[in-house]
Amino acid sequence: MTSSLVVKNLSISVPSSKGRVAVVDNVSFEIPAGKKVGMVGESGSGKSLTAYALMRLIKNPVSIDGGEIFLGGREILGLSPKDFRLLRGNEISMIYQDPMSALNPIMKVGQQIIESIQLHSPVSKAIARKTAIELLASVGIPEPESRIDSYPFEMSGGMLQRVVIAIALSGEPQVLIADEATTALDVTTQDRVLTLIDKLAAERGLSVLLITHDLGVAAQFSDEIMVMYAGKLVENGSVNQIFSNPAHPYTKALLDSRCDYTIDVNKPINSIAGQPPRPDNRPTGCVFSPRCAHVQDQCKTSVPPLTSSQGRLTACFRADELFQVGSAN
């Protein structure tokens, strides 16, 4: 299967008192055409920064220091800002985390969709308005002919998220990035939005990157899961592999700390000891070693590469051993 999006050795840095430090460190992954991939990890792991780098929305003092990004086989990180603007929204698009911040509060939602359509296609305002109404209908907005003239404050959070999805789809992209697209929504609306994105992805053949801290959302939506920790990709596999038998200690620790209907309310909630390291104070060797229950001497001095282990990619020296232990249980 061909890949819509290929990322190779992406590195992003920020300034600190110790000079520039990496916040995304040599991250590589692929999103096959038509696949839905979830990216999970604690806050500060580099998930959203990776997404903003894909959209070329990184600005000083944050900088992209290296790597390559291929969209449909074409390297796009080296494009000029002018050339990339032709791709942004057309071939790769993004659903932003907070629709109230993403939308202009003093512009009607229809006007904002029309503006996006005309930015990517030389059509008249009348045709753009007709297309905007069709987009609102496609994302499940009731009475789109009248709702197109609503202001953001006249719509619910769920409806606003649908408007943002409509804007993201206005250029008919190949790749759709959803950055915490359901965070501010209640559980019922969250499920509806995910179902909508899933339906639209199937209908349009979209490749989707879903960035979320919610493991349940990732499991419900994704075909594959990528796990990030402290700016590094530590595990990448199918949903079944990741959730049934994680091979990296951090992935297992994340799963063990979930709160859902299966937990015993009479017992303390599991948590991962310690805190993620600051970018300017990361340990030598494996970045997870100070918090890892399976750490050994090699982990403290050497950086484990992201290698194939039991059918998935894992950055852990003990992955095969731990995987076998998990299988035996």
C-alpha atoms as a PDB file:
ATOM      1  CA  MET A   1       0.000   0.000   0.000  1.00  0.00           C
ATOM      2  CA  THR A   2       1.341   3.433  -0.918  1.00  0.00           C
ATOM      3  CA  SER A   3       1.766   6.083   1.757  1.00  0.00           C
ATOM      4  CA  SER A   4       0.087   9.470   1.567  1.00  0.00           C
ATOM      5  CA  LEU A   5       2.454  10.900   4.166  1.00  0.00           C
ATOM      6  CA  VAL A   6       6.032   9.891   4.986  1.00  0.00           C
ATOM      7  CA  VAL A   7       8.033  11.636   7.710  1.00  0.00           C
ATOM      8  CA  LYS A   8      11.777  10.977   8.005  1.00  0.00           C
ATOM      9  CA  ASN A   9      13.964  12.075  10.920  1.00  0.00           C
ATOM     10  CA  LEU A  10      11.904  15.146  11.804  1.00  0.00           C
ATOM     11  CA  SER A  11      13.589  17.283  14.466  1.00  0.00           C
ATOM     12  CA  ILE A  12      12.208  20.422  16.120  1.00  0.00           C
ATOM     13  CA  SER A  13      14.011  22.551  18.704  1.00  0.00           C
ATOM     14  CA  VAL A  14      13.350  25.430  21.107  1.00  0.00           C
ATOM     15  CA  PRO A  15      15.753  27.816  22.845  1.00  0.00           C
ATOM     16  CA  SER A  16      16.741  27.217  26.473  1.00  0.00           C
ATOM     17  CA  SER A  17      19.346  28.389  28.961  1.00  0.00           C
ATOM     18  CA  LYS A  18      21.550  25.551  27.668  1.00  0.00           C
ATOM     19  CA  GLY A  19      21.151  26.546  24.024  1.00  0.00           C
ATOM     20  CA  ARG A  20      18.711  25.010  21.582  1.00  0.00           C
ATOM     21  CA  VAL A  21      17.222  21.693  22.699  1.00  0.00           C
ATOM     22  CA  ALA A  22      15.180  19.146  20.767  1.00  0.00           C
ATOM     23  CA  VAL A  23      11.472  18.858  21.575  1.00  0.00           C
ATOM     24  CA  VAL A  24      10.854  16.471  18.660  1.00  0.00           C
ATOM     25  CA  ASP A  25      13.878  14.244  18.130  1.00  0.00           C
ATOM     26  CA  ASN A  26      14.404  12.370  14.832  1.00  0.00           C
ATOM     27  CA  VAL A  27      10.817  11.178  14.509  1.00  0.00           C
ATOM     28  CA  SER A  28       9.978   8.990  11.491  1.00  0.00           C
ATOM     29  CA  PHE A  29       6.653   7.429  10.495  1.00  0.00           C
ATOM     30  CA  GLU A  30       4.342   6.725   7.578  1.00  0.00           C
ATOM     31  CA  ILE A  31       0.591   7.084   7.127  1.00  0.00           C
ATOM     32  CA  PRO A  32      -0.593   4.744   4.356  1.00  0.00           C
ATOM     33  CA  ALA A  33      -3.195   6.020   1.917  1.00  0.00           C
ATOM     34  CA  GLY A  34      -6.684   5.658   3.377  1.00  0.00           C
ATOM     35  CA  LYS A  35      -5.446   4.700   6.864  1.00  0.00           C
ATOM     36  CA  LYS A  36      -6.326   6.263  10.211  1.00  0.00           C
ATOM     37  CA  VAL A  37      -3.358   6.579  12.558  1.00  0.00           C
ATOM     38  CA  GLY A  38      -3.542   7.736  16.159  1.00  0.00           C
ATOM     39  CA  MET A  39      -0.679   9.504  17.946  1.00  0.00           C
ATOM     40  CA  VAL A  40      -0.824   9.297  21.752  1.00  0.00           C
ATOM     41  CA  GLY A  41       1.327  10.347  24.693  1.00  0.00           C
ATOM     42  CA  GLU A  42       1.382  12.611  27.724  1.00  0.00           C
ATOM     43  CA  SER A  43       1.131  16.378  27.398  1.00  0.00           C
ATOM     44  CA  GLY A  44       4.447  17.793  26.228  1.00  0.00           C
ATOM     45  CA  SER A  45       5.500  14.673  24.337  1.00  0.00           C
ATOM     46  CA  GLY A  46       5.675  16.559  21.023  1.00  0.00           C
ATOM     47  CA  LYS A  47       2.456  15.389  19.373  1.00  0.00           C
ATOM     48  CA  SER A  48       0.987  18.771  18.452  1.00  0.00           C
ATOM     49  CA  LEU A  49       4.380  20.213  17.495  1.00  0.00           C
ATOM     50  CA  THR A  50       4.756  17.336  15.036  1.00  0.00           C
ATOM     51  CA  ALA A  51       1.356  18.170  13.566  1.00  0.00           C
ATOM     52  CA  TYR A  52       2.182  21.867  13.249  1.00  0.00           C
ATOM     53  CA  ALA A  53       5.446  20.963  11.536  1.00  0.00           C
ATOM     54  CA  LEU A  54       3.510  18.899   8.980  1.00  0.00           C
ATOM     55  CA  MET A  55       1.411  21.988   8.271  1.00  0.00           C
ATOM     56  CA  ARG A  56       4.495  24.254   8.232  1.00  0.00           C
ATOM     57  CA  LEU A  57       3.018  26.359  11.034  1.00  0.00           C
ATOM     58  CA  ILE A  58       6.167  26.338  13.193  1.00  0.00           C
ATOM     59  CA  LYS A  59       7.345  29.868  13.939  1.00  0.00           C
ATOM     60  CA  ASN A  60      10.317  31.427  15.755  1.00  0.00           C
ATOM     61  CA  PRO A  61      11.688  30.796  18.293  1.00  0.00           C
ATOM     62  CA  VAL A  62      10.626  27.200  17.582  1.00  0.00           C
ATOM     63  CA  SER A  63      12.379  25.801  14.519  1.00  0.00           C
ATOM     64  CA  ILE A  64      12.439  22.709  12.328  1.00  0.00           C
ATOM     65  CA  ASP A  65      16.084  21.637  12.377  1.00  0.00           C
ATOM     66  CA  GLY A  66      16.042  18.638  10.079  1.00  0.00           C
ATOM     67  CA  GLY A  67      14.171  15.860   8.386  1.00  0.00           C
ATOM     68  CA  GLU A  68      12.031  15.292   5.336  1.00  0.00           C
ATOM     69  CA  ILE A  69       8.261  15.204   4.804  1.00  0.00           C
ATOM     70  CA  PHE A  70       6.854  13.545   1.703  1.00  0.00           C
ATOM     71  CA  LEU A  71       3.240  14.119   0.678  1.00  0.00           C
ATOM     72  CA  GLY A  72       2.110  11.829  -2.119  1.00  0.00           C
ATOM     73  CA  GLY A  73       5.763  11.154  -2.939  1.00  0.00           C
ATOM     74  CA  ARG A  74       6.703  14.854  -3.086  1.00  0.00           C
ATOM     75  CA  GLU A  75       9.092  16.355  -0.541  1.00  0.00           C
ATOM     76  CA  ILE A  76       7.303  19.362   0.971  1.00  0.00           C
ATOM     77  CA  LEU A  77       9.476  20.521   3.866  1.00  0.00           C
ATOM     78  CA  GLY A  78      11.882  22.169   1.437  1.00  0.00           C
ATOM     79  CA  LEU A  79       9.196  24.080  -0.461  1.00  0.00           C
ATOM     80  CA  SER A  80       9.140  27.862  -0.312  1.00  0.00           C
ATOM     81  CA  PRO A  81       6.395  29.397   1.871  1.00  0.00           C
ATOM     82  CA  LYS A  82       4.588  30.525  -1.294  1.00  0.00           C
ATOM     83  CA  ASP A  83       4.628  27.039  -2.823  1.00  0.00           C
ATOM     84  CA  PHE A  84       3.580  25.402   0.439  1.00  0.00           C
ATOM     85  CA  ARG A  85       0.563  27.699   0.734  1.00  0.00           C
ATOM     86  CA  LEU A  86      -0.739  26.041  -2.442  1.00  0.00           C
ATOM     87  CA  LEU A  87      -0.666  22.686  -0.628  1.00  0.00           C
ATOM     88  CA  ARG A  88      -1.919  23.744   2.814  1.00  0.00           C
ATOM     89  CA  GLY A  89      -5.654  23.216   2.843  1.00  0.00           C
ATOM     90  CA  ASN A  90      -5.623  21.665  -0.618  1.00  0.00           C
ATOM     91  CA  GLU A  91      -3.571  18.483  -0.136  1.00  0.00           C
ATOM     92  CA  ILE A  92      -2.996  18.496   3.622  1.00  0.00           C
ATOM     93  CA  SER A  93      -5.409  20.060   6.083  1.00  0.00           C
ATOM     94  CA  MET A  94      -5.981  20.281   9.824  1.00  0.00           C
ATOM     95  CA  ILE A  95      -8.845  20.232  12.316  1.00  0.00           C
ATOM     96  CA  TYR A  96      -7.724  22.430  15.191  1.00  0.00           C
ATOM     97  CA  GLN A  97      -8.162  21.682  18.876  1.00  0.00           C
ATOM     98  CA  ASP A  98     -10.432  24.560  19.909  1.00  0.00           C
ATOM     99  CA  PRO A  99     -13.067  25.638  17.353  1.00  0.00           C
ATOM    100  CA  MET A 100     -13.781  28.850  19.266  1.00  0.00           C
ATOM    101  CA  SER A 101     -10.148  29.886  18.780  1.00  0.00           C
ATOM    102  CA  ALA A 102      -9.929  28.582  15.214  1.00  0.00           C
ATOM    103  CA  LEU A 103     -12.978  30.551  14.027  1.00  0.00           C
ATOM    104  CA  ASN A 104     -13.270  34.332  13.789  1.00  0.00           C
ATOM    105  CA  PRO A 105     -16.008  35.286  16.313  1.00  0.00           C
ATOM    106  CA  ILE A 106     -17.156  38.346  14.337  1.00  0.00           C
ATOM    107  CA  MET A 107     -17.509  36.593  10.966  1.00  0.00           C
ATOM    108  CA  LYS A 108     -20.448  34.391  10.002  1.00  0.00           C
ATOM    109  CA  VAL A 109     -19.402  30.747   9.733  1.00  0.00           C
ATOM    110  CA  GLY A 110     -20.497  30.606   6.105  1.00  0.00           C
ATOM    111  CA  GLN A 111     -18.306  33.557   5.238  1.00  0.00           C
ATOM    112  CA  GLN A 112     -15.323  31.742   6.747  1.00  0.00           C
ATOM    113  CA  ILE A 113     -16.024  28.568   4.748  1.00  0.00           C
ATOM    114  CA  ILE A 114     -16.556  30.572   1.550  1.00  0.00           C
ATOM    115  CA  GLU A 115     -13.261  32.372   2.117  1.00  0.00           C
ATOM    116  CA  SER A 116     -11.480  29.017   2.453  1.00  0.00           C
ATOM    117  CA  ILE A 117     -13.116  27.633  -0.698  1.00  0.00           C
ATOM    118  CA  GLN A 118     -12.185  30.682  -2.770  1.00  0.00           C
ATOM    119  CA  LEU A 119      -8.647  30.582  -1.415  1.00  0.00           C
ATOM    120  CA  HIS A 120      -8.166  27.138  -2.956  1.00  0.00           C
ATOM    121  CA  SER A 121     -10.406  27.349  -6.010  1.00  0.00           C
ATOM    122  CA  PRO A 122     -11.097  30.231  -8.461  1.00  0.00           C
ATOM    123  CA  VAL A 123     -14.899  30.139  -8.214  1.00  0.00           C
ATOM    124  CA  SER A 124     -17.490  32.867  -7.814  1.00  0.00           C
ATOM    125  CA  LYS A 125     -18.902  33.732  -4.411  1.00  0.00           C
ATOM    126  CA  ALA A 126     -22.279  32.275  -5.442  1.00  0.00           C
ATOM    127  CA  ILE A 127     -20.735  28.909  -6.305  1.00  0.00           C
ATOM    128  CA  ALA A 128     -18.581  29.006  -3.161  1.00  0.00           C
ATOM    129  CA  ARG A 129     -21.690  29.661  -1.047  1.00  0.00           C
ATOM    130  CA  LYS A 130     -23.475  26.702  -2.661  1.00  0.00           C
ATOM    131  CA  THR A 131     -20.433  24.518  -1.966  1.00  0.00           C
ATOM    132  CA  ALA A 132     -20.282  25.783   1.623  1.00  0.00           C
ATOM    133  CA  ILE A 133     -23.926  24.781   2.157  1.00  0.00           C
ATOM    134  CA  GLU A 134     -23.152  21.334   0.747  1.00  0.00           C
ATOM    135  CA  LEU A 135     -20.149  21.036   3.075  1.00  0.00           C
ATOM    136  CA  LEU A 136     -22.251  21.999   6.101  1.00  0.00           C
ATOM    137  CA  ALA A 137     -24.821  19.381   5.096  1.00  0.00           C
ATOM    138  CA  SER A 138     -22.093  16.753   4.638  1.00  0.00           C
ATOM    139  CA  VAL A 139     -20.817  17.283   8.187  1.00  0.00           C
ATOM    140  CA  GLY A 140     -24.297  16.970   9.643  1.00  0.00           C
ATOM    141  CA  ILE A 141     -25.276  20.591  10.302  1.00  0.00           C
ATOM    142  CA  PRO A 142     -29.112  20.780  10.297  1.00  0.00           C
ATOM    143  CA  GLU A 143     -30.760  23.402   8.076  1.00  0.00           C
ATOM    144  CA  PRO A 144     -27.444  24.398   6.447  1.00  0.00           C
ATOM    145  CA  GLU A 145     -29.157  27.001   4.208  1.00  0.00           C
ATOM    146  CA  SER A 146     -29.934  29.107   7.274  1.00  0.00           C
ATOM    147  CA  ARG A 147     -27.060  28.038   9.530  1.00  0.00           C
ATOM    148  CA  ILE A 148     -24.547  29.310   6.997  1.00  0.00           C
ATOM    149  CA  ASP A 149     -25.430  32.834   8.141  1.00  0.00           C
ATOM    150  CA  SER A 150     -24.915  32.104  11.856  1.00  0.00           C
ATOM    151  CA  TYR A 151     -22.119  33.565  13.941  1.00  0.00           C
ATOM    152  CA  PRO A 152     -19.960  31.176  16.007  1.00  0.00           C
ATOM    153  CA  PHE A 153     -21.546  32.295  19.292  1.00  0.00           C
ATOM    154  CA  GLU A 154     -24.922  31.165  17.961  1.00  0.00           C
ATOM    155  CA  MET A 155     -23.786  27.540  17.621  1.00  0.00           C
ATOM    156  CA  SER A 156     -22.947  24.766  20.105  1.00  0.00           C
ATOM    157  CA  GLY A 157     -19.450  23.382  20.586  1.00  0.00           C
ATOM    158  CA  GLY A 158     -20.291  20.263  18.606  1.00  0.00           C
ATOM    159  CA  MET A 159     -21.672  22.277  15.705  1.00  0.00           C
ATOM    160  CA  LEU A 160     -18.630  24.554  15.716  1.00  0.00           C
ATOM    161  CA  GLN A 161     -16.339  21.530  15.521  1.00  0.00           C
ATOM    162  CA  ARG A 162     -18.333  20.385  12.485  1.00  0.00           C
ATOM    163  CA  VAL A 163     -17.853  23.813  10.911  1.00  0.00           C
ATOM    164  CA  VAL A 164     -14.087  23.503  11.465  1.00  0.00           C
ATOM    165  CA  ILE A 165     -14.211  20.055   9.829  1.00  0.00           C
ATOM    166  CA  ALA A 166     -16.081  21.557   6.863  1.00  0.00           C
ATOM    167  CA  ILE A 167     -13.371  24.213   6.476  1.00  0.00           C
ATOM    168  CA  ALA A 168     -10.663  21.529   6.678  1.00  0.00           C
ATOM    169  CA  LEU A 169     -12.391  19.572   3.899  1.00  0.00           C
ATOM    170  CA  SER A 170     -13.059  22.576   1.673  1.00  0.00           C
ATOM    171  CA  GLY A 171      -9.874  22.042  -0.337  1.00  0.00           C
ATOM    172  CA  GLU A 172     -10.450  18.266  -0.726  1.00  0.00           C
ATOM    173  CA  PRO A 173      -7.181  17.219   0.986  1.00  0.00           C
ATOM    174  CA  GLN A 174      -5.437  13.842   0.786  1.00  0.00           C
ATOM    175  CA  VAL A 175      -4.281  13.988   4.421  1.00  0.00           C
ATOM    176  CA  LEU A 176      -6.339  15.250   7.354  1.00  0.00           C
ATOM    177  CA  ILE A 177      -4.735  16.030  10.723  1.00  0.00           C
ATOM    178  CA  ALA A 178      -7.069  16.128  13.726  1.00  0.00           C
ATOM    179  CA  ASP A 179      -5.270  17.738  16.674  1.00  0.00           C
ATOM    180  CA  GLU A 180      -7.188  16.914  19.875  1.00  0.00           C
ATOM    181  CA  ALA A 181     -10.338  17.495  17.834  1.00  0.00           C
ATOM    182  CA  THR A 182     -12.683  16.158  20.545  1.00  0.00           C
ATOM    183  CA  THR A 183     -11.011  17.454  23.720  1.00  0.00           C
ATOM    184  CA  ALA A 184     -13.533  20.191  24.565  1.00  0.00           C
ATOM    185  CA  LEU A 185     -16.604  18.102  23.711  1.00  0.00           C
ATOM    186  CA  ASP A 186     -18.867  16.019  25.928  1.00  0.00           C
ATOM    187  CA  VAL A 187     -18.726  12.242  25.478  1.00  0.00           C
ATOM    188  CA  THR A 188     -21.822  11.996  23.273  1.00  0.00           C
ATOM    189  CA  THR A 189     -20.745  14.829  20.961  1.00  0.00           C
ATOM    190  CA  GLN A 190     -17.214  13.429  20.921  1.00  0.00           C
ATOM    191  CA  ASP A 191     -18.517  10.089  19.644  1.00  0.00           C
ATOM    192  CA  ARG A 192     -20.574  11.813  16.952  1.00  0.00           C
ATOM    193  CA  VAL A 193     -17.607  13.875  15.745  1.00  0.00           C
ATOM    194  CA  LEU A 194     -15.350  10.806  15.594  1.00  0.00           C
ATOM    195  CA  THR A 195     -18.027   8.874  13.721  1.00  0.00           C
ATOM    196  CA  LEU A 196     -18.355  11.777  11.296  1.00  0.00           C
ATOM    197  CA  ILE A 197     -14.599  11.984  10.643  1.00  0.00           C
ATOM    198  CA  ASP A 198     -14.514   8.203  10.177  1.00  0.00           C
ATOM    199  CA  LYS A 199     -17.389   8.354   7.689  1.00  0.00           C
ATOM    200  CA  LEU A 200     -15.886  11.241   5.721  1.00  0.00           C
ATOM    201  CA  ALA A 201     -12.465   9.539   5.656  1.00  0.00           C
ATOM    202  CA  ALA A 202     -14.026   6.391   4.187  1.00  0.00           C
ATOM    203  CA  GLU A 203     -16.077   8.317   1.629  1.00  0.00           C
ATOM    204  CA  ARG A 204     -13.180  10.517   0.497  1.00  0.00           C
ATOM    205  CA  GLY A 205     -10.301   8.037   0.884  1.00  0.00           C
ATOM    206  CA  LEU A 206      -8.535  10.313   3.367  1.00  0.00           C
ATOM    207  CA  SER A 207      -5.438   9.459   5.364  1.00  0.00           C
ATOM    208  CA  VAL A 208      -6.027  10.709   8.912  1.00  0.00           C
ATOM    209  CA  LEU A 209      -3.593  11.516  11.727  1.00  0.00           C
ATOM    210  CA  LEU A 210      -5.504  11.753  15.020  1.00  0.00           C
ATOM    211  CA  ILE A 211      -3.546  13.366  17.839  1.00  0.00           C
ATOM    212  CA  THR A 212      -5.018  12.681  21.260  1.00  0.00           C
ATOM    213  CA  HIS A 213      -4.121  12.070  24.895  1.00  0.00           C
ATOM    214  CA  ASP A 214      -7.252   9.902  25.234  1.00  0.00           C
ATOM    215  CA  LEU A 215      -6.367   6.237  24.696  1.00  0.00           C
ATOM    216  CA  GLY A 216     -10.031   5.275  24.407  1.00  0.00           C
ATOM    217  CA  VAL A 217     -10.537   7.737  21.554  1.00  0.00           C
ATOM    218  CA  ALA A 218      -7.412   6.434  19.801  1.00  0.00           C
ATOM    219  CA  ALA A 219      -8.563   2.821  20.139  1.00  0.00           C
ATOM    220  CA  GLN A 220     -12.057   3.617  18.880  1.00  0.00           C
ATOM    221  CA  PHE A 221     -10.937   5.529  15.809  1.00  0.00           C
ATOM    222  CA  SER A 222      -7.528   4.348  14.624  1.00  0.00           C
ATOM    223  CA  ASP A 223      -6.148   1.494  12.538  1.00  0.00           C
ATOM    224  CA  GLU A 224      -2.637   2.013  13.911  1.00  0.00           C
ATOM    225  CA  ILE A 225      -1.216   3.715  16.988  1.00  0.00           C
ATOM    226  CA  MET A 226       2.010   5.698  17.449  1.00  0.00           C
ATOM    227  CA  VAL A 227       3.194   6.336  21.012  1.00  0.00           C
ATOM    228  CA  MET A 228       5.371   9.396  21.724  1.00  0.00           C
ATOM    229  CA  TYR A 229       7.353  10.168  24.840  1.00  0.00           C
ATOM    230  CA  ALA A 230       9.615  13.179  25.469  1.00  0.00           C
ATOM    231  CA  GLY A 231       9.875  14.033  21.781  1.00  0.00           C
ATOM    232  CA  LYS A 232      10.604  10.490  20.607  1.00  0.00           C
ATOM    233  CA  LEU A 233       8.489   7.825  18.950  1.00  0.00           C
ATOM    234  CA  VAL A 234       8.748   4.797  21.258  1.00  0.00           C
ATOM    235  CA  GLU A 235       6.230   2.355  19.763  1.00  0.00           C
ATOM    236  CA  ASN A 236       4.207   1.989  16.569  1.00  0.00           C
ATOM    237  CA  GLY A 237       1.823  -0.876  15.820  1.00  0.00           C
ATOM    238  CA  SER A 238      -1.724  -1.932  15.125  1.00  0.00           C
ATOM    239  CA  VAL A 239      -4.478  -1.084  17.607  1.00  0.00           C
ATOM    240  CA  ASN A 240      -4.674  -4.742  18.630  1.00  0.00           C
ATOM    241  CA  GLN A 241      -0.914  -4.983  19.203  1.00  0.00           C
ATOM    242  CA  ILE A 242      -0.717  -1.790  21.232  1.00  0.00           C
ATOM    243  CA  PHE A 243      -3.758  -2.385  23.420  1.00  0.00           C
ATOM    244  CA  SER A 244      -3.601  -6.171  23.793  1.00  0.00           C
ATOM    245  CA  ASN A 245       0.128  -6.628  24.279  1.00  0.00           C
ATOM    246  CA  PRO A 246       2.280  -3.467  24.430  1.00  0.00           C
ATOM    247  CA  ALA A 247       6.010  -4.052  23.969  1.00  0.00           C
ATOM    248  CA  HIS A 248       7.338  -0.766  25.372  1.00  0.00           C
ATOM    249  CA  PRO A 249       7.211  -0.141  29.145  1.00  0.00           C
ATOM    250  CA  TYR A 250       5.865   3.380  28.604  1.00  0.00           C
ATOM    251  CA  THR A 251       2.979   2.118  26.469  1.00  0.00           C
ATOM    252  CA  LYS A 252       2.122  -0.469  29.116  1.00  0.00           C
ATOM    253  CA  ALA A 253       2.322   2.164  31.860  1.00  0.00           C
ATOM    254  CA  LEU A 254      -0.054   4.419  29.916  1.00  0.00           C
ATOM    255  CA  LEU A 255      -2.543   1.600  29.490  1.00  0.00           C
ATOM    256  CA  ASP A 256      -2.288   0.603  33.149  1.00  0.00           C
ATOM    257  CA  SER A 257      -3.110   4.177  34.223  1.00  0.00           C
ATOM    258  CA  ARG A 258      -6.363   4.377  32.253  1.00  0.00           C
ATOM    259  CA  CYS A 259      -9.556   5.260  34.069  1.00  0.00           C
ATOM    260  CA  ASP A 260     -12.622   3.563  32.603  1.00  0.00           C
ATOM    261  CA  TYR A 261     -15.596   1.467  33.680  1.00  0.00           C
ATOM    262  CA  THR A 262     -13.378  -1.619  34.179  1.00  0.00           C
ATOM    263  CA  ILE A 263     -11.315  -0.189  37.062  1.00  0.00           C
ATOM    264  CA  ASP A 264     -11.873  -1.266  40.658  1.00  0.00           C
ATOM    265  CA  VAL A 265     -13.054   1.893  42.427  1.00  0.00           C
ATOM    266  CA  ASN A 266     -11.950   0.429  45.763  1.00  0.00           C
ATOM    267  CA  LYS A 267      -8.298   0.467  44.710  1.00  0.00           C
ATOM    268  CA  PRO A 268      -5.978   3.446  44.104  1.00  0.00           C
ATOM    269  CA  ILE A 269      -5.724   4.596  40.490  1.00  0.00           C
ATOM    270  CA  ASN A 270      -2.473   3.528  38.854  1.00  0.00           C
ATOM    271  CA  SER A 271      -0.115   6.284  37.785  1.00  0.00           C
ATOM    272  CA  ILE A 272       3.317   6.535  36.203  1.00  0.00           C
ATOM    273  CA  ALA A 273       5.903   7.455  38.818  1.00  0.00           C
ATOM    274  CA  GLY A 274       7.779  10.703  38.280  1.00  0.00           C
ATOM    275  CA  GLN A 275       7.333  13.328  35.575  1.00  0.00           C
ATOM    276  CA  PRO A 276       8.323  13.563  31.892  1.00  0.00           C
ATOM    277  CA  PRO A 277      11.750  15.219  31.609  1.00  0.00           C
ATOM    278  CA  ARG A 278      12.176  18.819  30.527  1.00  0.00           C
ATOM    279  CA  PRO A 279      13.659  19.126  27.029  1.00  0.00           C
ATOM    280  CA  ASP A 280      16.813  20.706  28.507  1.00  0.00           C
ATOM    281  CA  ASN A 281      17.193  18.042  31.195  1.00  0.00           C
ATOM    282  CA  ARG A 282      16.670  14.726  29.454  1.00  0.00           C
ATOM    283  CA  PRO A 283      18.589  11.720  30.768  1.00  0.00           C
ATOM    284  CA  THR A 284      21.449  10.065  28.938  1.00  0.00           C
ATOM    285  CA  GLY A 285      20.298   6.884  27.234  1.00  0.00           C
ATOM    286  CA  CYS A 286      16.603   5.969  27.076  1.00  0.00           C
ATOM    287  CA  VAL A 287      14.439   9.003  27.858  1.00  0.00           C
ATOM    288  CA  PHE A 288      11.993   6.827  29.813  1.00  0.00           C
ATOM    289  CA  SER A 289      14.658   5.122  31.941  1.00  0.00           C
ATOM    290  CA  PRO A 290      14.132   7.227  35.142  1.00  0.00           C
ATOM    291  CA  ARG A 291      10.449   6.182  35.251  1.00  0.00           C
ATOM    292  CA  CYS A 292      10.774   2.646  33.897  1.00  0.00           C
ATOM    293  CA  ALA A 293      10.076  -0.409  36.070  1.00  0.00           C
ATOM    294  CA  HIS A 294      12.253  -2.569  33.786  1.00  0.00           C
ATOM    295  CA  VAL A 295      15.340  -0.340  33.545  1.00  0.00           C
ATOM    296  CA  GLN A 296      18.803  -1.887  33.414  1.00  0.00           C
ATOM    297  CA  ASP A 297      22.324  -0.470  33.084  1.00  0.00           C
ATOM    298  CA  GLN A 298      22.320  -0.349  29.264  1.00  0.00           C
ATOM    299  CA  CYS A 299      19.162   1.782  29.286  1.00  0.00           C
ATOM    300  CA  LYS A 300      20.938   4.506  31.282  1.00  0.00           C
ATOM    301  CA  THR A 301      23.863   4.886  28.885  1.00  0.00           C
ATOM    302  CA  SER A 302      22.618   4.039  25.373  1.00  0.00           C
ATOM    303  CA  VAL A 303      19.663   5.281  23.313  1.00  0.00           C
ATOM    304  CA  PRO A 304      17.533   2.365  22.090  1.00  0.00           C
ATOM    305  CA  PRO A 305      16.802   2.583  18.339  1.00  0.00           C
ATOM    306  CA  LEU A 306      13.289   2.257  16.972  1.00  0.00           C
ATOM    307  CA  THR A 307      13.456  -1.240  15.497  1.00  0.00           C
ATOM    308  CA  SER A 308      11.070  -3.970  14.391  1.00  0.00           C
ATOM    309  CA  SER A 309      10.010  -6.237  17.243  1.00  0.00           C
ATOM    310  CA  GLN A 310       7.318  -8.879  16.945  1.00  0.00           C
ATOM    311  CA  GLY A 311       5.609  -7.148  14.027  1.00  0.00           C
ATOM    312  CA  ARG A 312       5.686  -3.605  15.389  1.00  0.00           C
ATOM    313  CA  LEU A 313       8.277  -0.854  15.908  1.00  0.00           C
ATOM    314  CA  THR A 314       9.607  -0.418  19.428  1.00  0.00           C
ATOM    315  CA  ALA A 315      12.422   1.632  20.983  1.00  0.00           C
ATOM    316  CA  CYS A 316      13.325  -0.644  23.886  1.00  0.00           C
ATOM    317  CA  PHE A 317      16.345  -2.906  24.454  1.00  0.00           C
ATOM    318  CA  ARG A 318      14.118  -5.410  26.281  1.00  0.00           C
ATOM    319  CA  ALA A 319      11.166  -5.332  23.879  1.00  0.00           C
ATOM    320  CA  ASP A 320      11.424  -8.958  22.729  1.00  0.00           C
ATOM    321  CA  GLU A 321      11.874 -10.189  26.291  1.00  0.00           C
ATOM    322  CA  LEU A 322       9.002  -8.096  27.652  1.00  0.00           C
ATOM    323  CA  PHE A 323       6.779  -9.018  24.718  1.00  0.00           C
ATOM    324  CA  GLN A 324       7.336 -12.723  25.407  1.00  0.00           C
ATOM    325  CA  VAL A 325       6.537 -12.206  29.086  1.00  0.00           C
ATOM    326  CA  GLY A 326       3.339 -10.430  28.088  1.00  0.00           C
ATOM    327  CA  SER A 327       2.407 -13.220  25.667  1.00  0.00           C
ATOM    328  CA  ALA A 328       2.884 -15.837  28.355  1.00  0.00           C
ATOM    329  CA  ASN A 329       0.468 -14.061  30.654  1.00  0.00           C
END
